[in-house]
Protein backbone atom coordinates (compact mmCIF):
# COMPACT_ATOMS: atom_id res chain seq x y z
CA UNK A 1 191.86 -62.37 278.81
CA UNK A 2 190.77 -65.94 279.29
CA UNK A 3 187.17 -66.21 280.39
CA UNK A 4 187.73 -69.50 282.15
CA UNK A 5 190.29 -72.08 283.15
CA UNK A 6 190.28 -75.85 282.90
CA UNK A 7 190.20 -78.10 285.91
CA UNK A 8 193.79 -79.30 286.55
CA UNK A 9 194.22 -82.52 284.61
CA UNK A 10 196.86 -83.79 287.04
CA UNK A 11 194.45 -83.60 289.98
CA UNK A 12 192.90 -87.03 290.54
CA UNK A 13 190.56 -88.32 293.30
CA UNK A 14 192.97 -91.15 294.17
CA UNK A 15 196.10 -90.31 296.14
CA UNK A 16 197.93 -93.14 294.38
CA UNK A 17 196.30 -94.30 291.12
CA UNK A 18 195.01 -97.86 291.36
CA UNK A 19 194.78 -97.87 295.16
CA UNK A 20 191.52 -97.23 297.09
CA UNK A 21 192.87 -94.23 299.01
CA UNK A 22 191.26 -90.95 298.05
CA UNK A 23 192.05 -87.34 298.82
CA UNK A 24 188.45 -86.85 299.98
CA UNK A 25 188.88 -89.38 302.78
CA UNK A 26 192.21 -87.82 303.74
CA UNK A 27 190.54 -84.41 303.88
CA UNK A 28 188.13 -85.78 306.49
CA UNK A 29 191.10 -86.78 308.63
CA UNK A 30 192.61 -83.31 308.24
CA UNK A 31 189.25 -81.73 309.10
CA UNK A 32 188.81 -83.76 312.29
CA UNK A 33 192.42 -83.11 313.29
CA UNK A 34 192.12 -79.35 312.76
CA UNK A 35 188.89 -79.17 314.78
CA UNK A 36 190.38 -81.30 317.56
CA UNK A 37 193.53 -79.17 317.87
CA UNK A 38 191.53 -75.93 317.95
CA UNK A 39 189.20 -77.37 320.57
CA UNK A 40 192.09 -78.56 322.72
CA UNK A 41 193.69 -75.12 322.40
CA UNK A 42 190.54 -73.54 323.83
CA UNK A 43 190.40 -76.04 326.68
CA UNK A 44 193.98 -75.17 327.67
CA UNK A 45 193.53 -71.46 326.99
CA UNK A 46 190.53 -71.25 329.35
CA UNK A 47 191.75 -73.91 331.79
CA UNK A 48 188.43 -75.57 331.08
CA UNK A 49 187.76 -78.48 333.48
CA UNK A 50 188.03 -81.27 330.91
CA UNK A 51 190.58 -84.05 330.96
CA UNK A 52 192.35 -85.37 327.87
CA UNK A 53 190.34 -88.59 328.07
CA UNK A 54 187.09 -86.63 328.20
CA UNK A 55 188.21 -84.59 325.20
CA UNK A 56 188.89 -87.73 323.16
CA UNK A 57 185.56 -89.18 324.30
CA UNK A 58 183.72 -86.02 323.26
CA UNK A 59 185.24 -86.03 319.78
CA UNK A 60 184.58 -89.74 319.35
CA UNK A 61 180.89 -89.16 320.04
CA UNK A 62 180.83 -86.05 317.84
CA UNK A 63 182.53 -87.71 314.87
CA UNK A 64 180.34 -90.81 315.04
CA UNK A 65 177.22 -88.67 315.24
CA UNK A 66 178.42 -86.54 312.34
CA UNK A 67 179.20 -89.51 310.09
CA UNK A 68 175.93 -91.31 310.89
CA UNK A 69 173.84 -88.18 310.37
CA UNK A 70 175.67 -87.17 307.18
CA UNK A 71 175.33 -90.60 305.58
CA UNK A 72 171.73 -91.31 306.60
CA UNK A 73 170.53 -87.83 305.63
CA UNK A 74 172.30 -88.06 302.29
CA UNK A 75 170.65 -91.37 301.39
CA UNK A 76 167.21 -90.22 302.53
CA UNK A 77 167.16 -86.70 301.06
CA UNK A 78 169.59 -86.56 298.14
CA UNK A 79 169.24 -90.07 296.70
CA UNK A 80 166.38 -89.92 294.21
CA UNK A 81 166.22 -93.68 293.56
CA UNK A 82 164.78 -96.15 296.07
CA UNK A 83 167.90 -98.31 296.24
CA UNK A 84 168.49 -97.61 299.94
CA UNK A 85 164.84 -98.20 300.74
CA UNK A 86 165.00 -101.61 299.08
CA UNK A 87 168.49 -102.41 300.38
CA UNK A 88 169.09 -100.33 303.54
CA UNK A 89 172.26 -102.25 304.44
CA UNK A 90 173.97 -100.52 301.50
CA UNK A 91 173.86 -97.21 303.40
CA UNK A 92 177.01 -98.22 305.26
CA UNK A 93 178.39 -100.74 302.75
CA UNK A 94 181.56 -99.29 301.14
CA UNK A 95 181.64 -101.65 298.13
CA UNK A 96 179.93 -101.47 294.73
CA UNK A 97 180.13 -104.26 292.17
CA UNK A 98 182.94 -105.90 294.12
CA UNK A 99 185.06 -102.73 294.27
CA UNK A 100 185.83 -100.53 297.27
CA UNK A 101 184.18 -97.14 296.77
CA UNK A 102 183.94 -95.82 300.32
CA UNK A 103 180.83 -94.10 301.62
CA UNK A 104 180.13 -91.87 298.65
CA UNK A 105 177.51 -89.28 299.42
CA UNK A 106 177.56 -87.31 302.66
CA UNK A 107 175.23 -84.47 303.66
CA UNK A 108 176.54 -81.49 305.60
CA UNK A 109 173.15 -80.72 307.12
CA UNK A 110 172.69 -84.31 308.22
CA UNK A 111 176.16 -84.28 309.74
CA UNK A 112 175.36 -81.06 311.63
CA UNK A 113 172.18 -82.58 313.09
CA UNK A 114 173.85 -85.90 313.94
CA UNK A 115 176.86 -84.23 315.52
CA UNK A 116 174.65 -81.84 317.49
CA UNK A 117 172.57 -84.66 318.94
CA UNK A 118 175.68 -86.68 319.83
CA UNK A 119 177.30 -83.76 321.66
CA UNK A 120 174.07 -82.94 323.53
CA UNK A 121 173.87 -86.55 324.73
CA UNK A 122 177.55 -86.60 325.70
CA UNK A 123 177.22 -83.36 327.68
CA UNK A 124 174.14 -84.73 329.46
CA UNK A 125 175.76 -88.04 330.40
CA UNK A 126 179.05 -86.45 331.47
CA UNK A 127 177.30 -83.56 333.24
CA UNK A 128 178.90 -80.75 331.24
CA UNK A 129 177.22 -77.48 330.31
CA UNK A 130 176.20 -77.98 326.69
CA UNK A 131 176.34 -74.26 325.91
CA UNK A 132 180.00 -74.21 326.93
CA UNK A 133 180.79 -77.36 324.95
CA UNK A 134 178.86 -76.13 321.91
CA UNK A 135 180.60 -72.75 321.85
CA UNK A 136 184.04 -74.34 321.74
CA UNK A 137 182.86 -76.66 318.99
CA UNK A 138 181.54 -73.68 317.02
CA UNK A 139 184.96 -72.02 317.20
CA UNK A 140 186.67 -75.19 315.97
CA UNK A 141 184.51 -76.71 313.22
CA UNK A 142 184.57 -74.11 310.38
CA UNK A 143 188.32 -74.25 309.79
CA UNK A 144 188.14 -78.03 309.61
CA UNK A 145 185.24 -77.68 307.18
CA UNK A 146 187.57 -76.06 304.63
CA UNK A 147 189.26 -79.42 304.08
CA UNK A 148 185.94 -81.10 303.25
CA UNK A 149 185.18 -78.62 300.49
CA UNK A 150 188.73 -78.89 299.22
CA UNK A 151 188.11 -82.63 298.95
CA UNK A 152 184.96 -81.93 296.89
CA UNK A 153 187.02 -79.75 294.57
CA UNK A 154 189.67 -82.44 294.11
CA UNK A 155 186.87 -84.88 293.27
CA UNK A 156 185.58 -82.35 290.71
CA UNK A 157 182.11 -82.67 292.26
CA UNK A 158 179.50 -80.25 293.62
CA UNK A 159 180.54 -77.78 290.93
CA UNK A 160 178.59 -74.60 290.29
CA UNK A 161 176.25 -73.32 287.63
CA UNK A 162 177.28 -72.33 284.13
CA UNK A 163 178.90 -68.88 284.01
CA UNK A 164 180.71 -66.52 281.67
CA UNK A 165 182.58 -65.02 284.62
CA UNK A 166 186.40 -64.98 284.57
CA UNK A 167 186.14 -67.19 287.66
CA UNK A 168 184.55 -69.96 285.60
CA UNK A 169 186.20 -73.37 285.42
CA UNK A 170 185.59 -76.27 283.06
CA UNK A 171 185.07 -79.43 285.12
CA UNK A 172 185.72 -82.76 283.38
CA UNK A 173 182.56 -84.54 284.57
CA UNK A 174 180.10 -81.67 284.38
CA UNK A 175 176.97 -82.20 282.35
CA UNK A 176 176.94 -80.95 278.77
CA UNK A 177 174.86 -77.92 277.85
CA UNK A 178 173.85 -77.83 274.18
CA UNK A 179 176.55 -80.41 273.53
CA UNK A 180 179.30 -78.38 275.20
CA UNK A 181 181.10 -78.61 278.52
CA UNK A 182 180.77 -74.99 279.60
CA UNK A 183 182.63 -73.14 282.37
CA UNK A 184 181.04 -73.27 285.80
CA UNK A 185 181.49 -71.53 289.13
CA UNK A 186 183.99 -73.37 291.36
CA UNK A 187 181.40 -73.22 294.14
CA UNK A 188 183.35 -75.69 296.28
CA UNK A 189 186.08 -73.06 296.63
CA UNK A 190 183.52 -70.34 297.39
CA UNK A 191 182.18 -72.48 300.21
CA UNK A 192 185.67 -73.30 301.43
CA UNK A 193 186.49 -69.60 301.76
CA UNK A 194 183.21 -68.20 303.13
CA UNK A 195 181.74 -71.09 305.13
CA UNK A 196 185.16 -72.19 306.28
CA UNK A 197 187.91 -69.60 306.59
CA UNK A 198 185.85 -66.40 306.92
CA UNK A 199 183.22 -67.89 309.24
CA UNK A 200 185.94 -69.41 311.42
CA UNK A 201 187.76 -66.06 311.61
CA UNK A 202 184.59 -64.30 312.78
CA UNK A 203 183.74 -66.89 315.43
CA UNK A 204 187.34 -67.22 316.60
CA UNK A 205 187.44 -63.44 317.12
CA UNK A 206 184.38 -63.63 319.39
CA UNK A 207 185.48 -66.71 321.36
CA UNK A 208 186.76 -64.57 324.26
CA UNK A 209 184.31 -61.73 323.64
CA UNK A 210 180.99 -63.56 323.56
CA UNK A 211 178.21 -61.82 325.52
CA UNK A 212 176.72 -65.03 326.96
CA UNK A 213 177.05 -68.79 326.92
CA UNK A 214 175.75 -70.40 323.74
CA UNK A 215 176.30 -67.30 321.61
CA UNK A 216 179.02 -68.83 319.43
CA UNK A 217 176.97 -71.91 318.60
CA UNK A 218 174.06 -69.74 317.48
CA UNK A 219 176.46 -67.52 315.52
CA UNK A 220 177.81 -70.61 313.76
CA UNK A 221 174.41 -71.85 312.60
CA UNK A 222 173.35 -68.34 311.62
CA UNK A 223 176.59 -67.55 309.79
CA UNK A 224 176.83 -70.85 307.95
CA UNK A 225 173.18 -70.68 306.95
CA UNK A 226 173.57 -67.16 305.54
CA UNK A 227 176.79 -67.86 303.63
CA UNK A 228 175.56 -71.16 302.21
CA UNK A 229 172.13 -69.73 301.30
CA UNK A 230 173.68 -67.14 298.98
CA UNK A 231 176.40 -69.42 297.62
CA UNK A 232 173.63 -71.83 296.55
CA UNK A 233 172.81 -69.28 293.81
CA UNK A 234 176.18 -70.17 292.25
CA UNK A 235 176.00 -73.91 292.92
CA UNK A 236 174.41 -76.43 290.56
CA UNK A 237 171.19 -77.79 292.14
CA UNK A 238 171.36 -81.41 293.21
CA UNK A 239 170.47 -83.84 290.42
CA UNK A 240 166.86 -84.94 290.53
CA UNK A 241 165.89 -82.41 293.21
CA UNK A 242 166.01 -79.08 291.38
CA UNK A 243 163.97 -76.34 293.07
CA UNK A 244 161.42 -78.03 295.35
CA UNK A 245 159.93 -74.85 296.86
CA UNK A 246 159.48 -71.28 295.56
CA UNK A 247 162.47 -71.57 293.24
CA UNK A 248 164.76 -72.35 296.19
CA UNK A 249 167.11 -75.32 296.19
CA UNK A 250 167.01 -78.02 298.84
CA UNK A 251 170.21 -76.60 300.29
CA UNK A 252 168.66 -73.13 300.60
CA UNK A 253 165.60 -74.51 302.37
CA UNK A 254 167.80 -76.35 304.86
CA UNK A 255 169.99 -73.26 305.31
CA UNK A 256 166.92 -71.14 306.00
CA UNK A 257 166.04 -73.55 308.80
CA UNK A 258 169.61 -73.19 310.10
CA UNK A 259 169.26 -69.40 310.13
CA UNK A 260 165.99 -69.63 312.05
CA UNK A 261 167.54 -72.07 314.51
CA UNK A 262 170.62 -69.87 314.99
CA UNK A 263 168.57 -66.74 315.71
CA UNK A 264 166.20 -68.62 318.01
CA UNK A 265 169.09 -70.21 319.87
CA UNK A 266 170.79 -66.84 320.40
CA UNK A 267 167.59 -65.25 321.74
CA UNK A 268 166.92 -68.16 324.10
CA UNK A 269 170.50 -68.30 325.42
CA UNK A 270 170.51 -64.54 326.03
CA UNK A 271 167.63 -65.01 328.48
CA UNK A 272 168.64 -68.20 330.25
CA UNK A 273 169.84 -68.10 333.87
CA UNK A 274 173.55 -68.52 334.49
CA UNK A 275 174.22 -67.10 331.06
CA UNK A 276 177.29 -65.03 331.95
CA UNK A 277 180.30 -66.31 329.97
CA UNK A 278 183.23 -67.84 331.82
CA UNK A 279 186.42 -66.57 330.21
CA UNK A 280 189.06 -68.42 332.19
CA UNK A 281 188.73 -70.98 334.97
CA UNK A 282 191.01 -70.97 338.00
CA UNK A 283 193.66 -73.62 338.55
CA UNK A 284 191.17 -75.96 340.23
CA UNK A 285 189.02 -75.86 337.10
CA UNK A 286 185.90 -75.14 339.12
CA UNK A 287 185.54 -71.38 339.42
CA UNK A 288 186.50 -68.74 336.96
CA UNK A 289 189.33 -66.40 337.69
CA UNK A 290 187.55 -63.28 338.87
CA UNK A 291 188.02 -60.24 336.75
CA UNK A 292 186.07 -57.51 338.45
CA UNK A 293 182.86 -58.17 340.29
CA UNK A 294 179.92 -55.80 340.14
CA UNK A 295 180.76 -54.59 343.67
CA UNK A 296 184.37 -53.91 342.69
CA UNK A 297 183.28 -51.98 339.62
CA UNK A 298 180.86 -49.91 341.73
CA UNK A 299 183.63 -49.20 344.24
CA UNK A 300 185.94 -48.00 341.46
CA UNK A 301 183.22 -45.70 340.13
CA UNK A 302 182.76 -44.20 343.59
CA UNK A 303 186.48 -43.64 343.92
CA UNK A 304 186.60 -41.87 340.54
CA UNK A 305 183.73 -39.62 341.61
CA UNK A 306 185.58 -38.69 344.80
CA UNK A 307 188.73 -37.86 342.84
CA UNK A 308 186.76 -35.66 340.44
CA UNK A 309 185.21 -33.79 343.36
CA UNK A 310 188.64 -33.16 344.91
CA UNK A 311 189.96 -31.88 341.58
CA UNK A 312 187.09 -29.40 341.41
């Protein structure tokens, strides 16, 4: 049995060799498209009072916030040199040495913070309930996230730690260990499956079963934080950062903060007024279609009691 496989030699970062169009950039487009379609599906499914123009506006804000946060956070936290401190305009300059390179280096955690702030501001300005908006985002983002990690895999970057597991893969640009290019965990694929597909499946299942408004957003931060925290044990620590605290990687520290935020958010939302979830809105888009009110449920219970008494 082979103990490892080699990274596919035919898989290149460029879509067409010699042209500045990369699979990683295309994966971002796929990710945004997948999240948008899932969000729009929820809007129609629930008859949520949001127009198509408002939906496009919301995603424009969210994407801009995500990109700004991801890029700025990456240059501040993961860049060990002071190049961006000395030349801050390079943060959003997609050229290096006269060649187009794109915005190489994006941070998930920075993108999460930037996107969150952008959506909060949009909801405030447009007078939407942020907990409602956030829940639908939480049920849309993870599946789109799978494309981002697939892009990392195609780039042969963010590979895992050295392993003798049958799952090991030899990446072409991995650092040598004792003069050898040893097999490593394909941690990008682990993240794609657990932080993307599995997390999305869990949240999507609860989208019409959530106990209160805001639950899905808290579940997203909690679930992503937990999955990523443990997958970090298989992922190669970021160059120059290593283990900054108690033998934990930078990613694990940030994921721990996500877990704390997710739990705190769930507890707070469970106690807020007007927390009852709205499953489906009526045709006017203002009130929810009534299922059974508390009075109706009480009336049904009384009727069942009367029937039982007659049967006795």
